[in-house]
Amino acid sequence: MKQSEKGSVTMIVAVTIFFIVILLSSFFIYTTSRRRAQLEETERIENAYDGDMSAIYEEINDRYDVKNTTNTNEINRNNINENIVNQID
């Protein structure tokens, strides 16, 4: 092998390794940014439903005169759905 051929093989290997490193690092950055965005969106959804849902249930209970029972969440949802269906019919 000539000296110039050794240099060109080294350059091809170096460029290939550089390309693989760039590809893997960009994939890592993309994945972490996507994961962070999903976590932020999940937090926003949890915060939105955490405070507002109790106020919504209270408003619907007042509006449709739904009585509270021991299993409030499950029974209130069922009663509210039934009342809404009855109002539509």
Foldseek 3Di string as FASTA:
>chain_A
DDPVVVVVVVVVVVVVVVVVVVVVVVVVVVVVVVVVVVVVVVVVVCVVCVPVVVVVLVVLCVVQVDDADDVRPVVSVVVSVVSVVVVVD
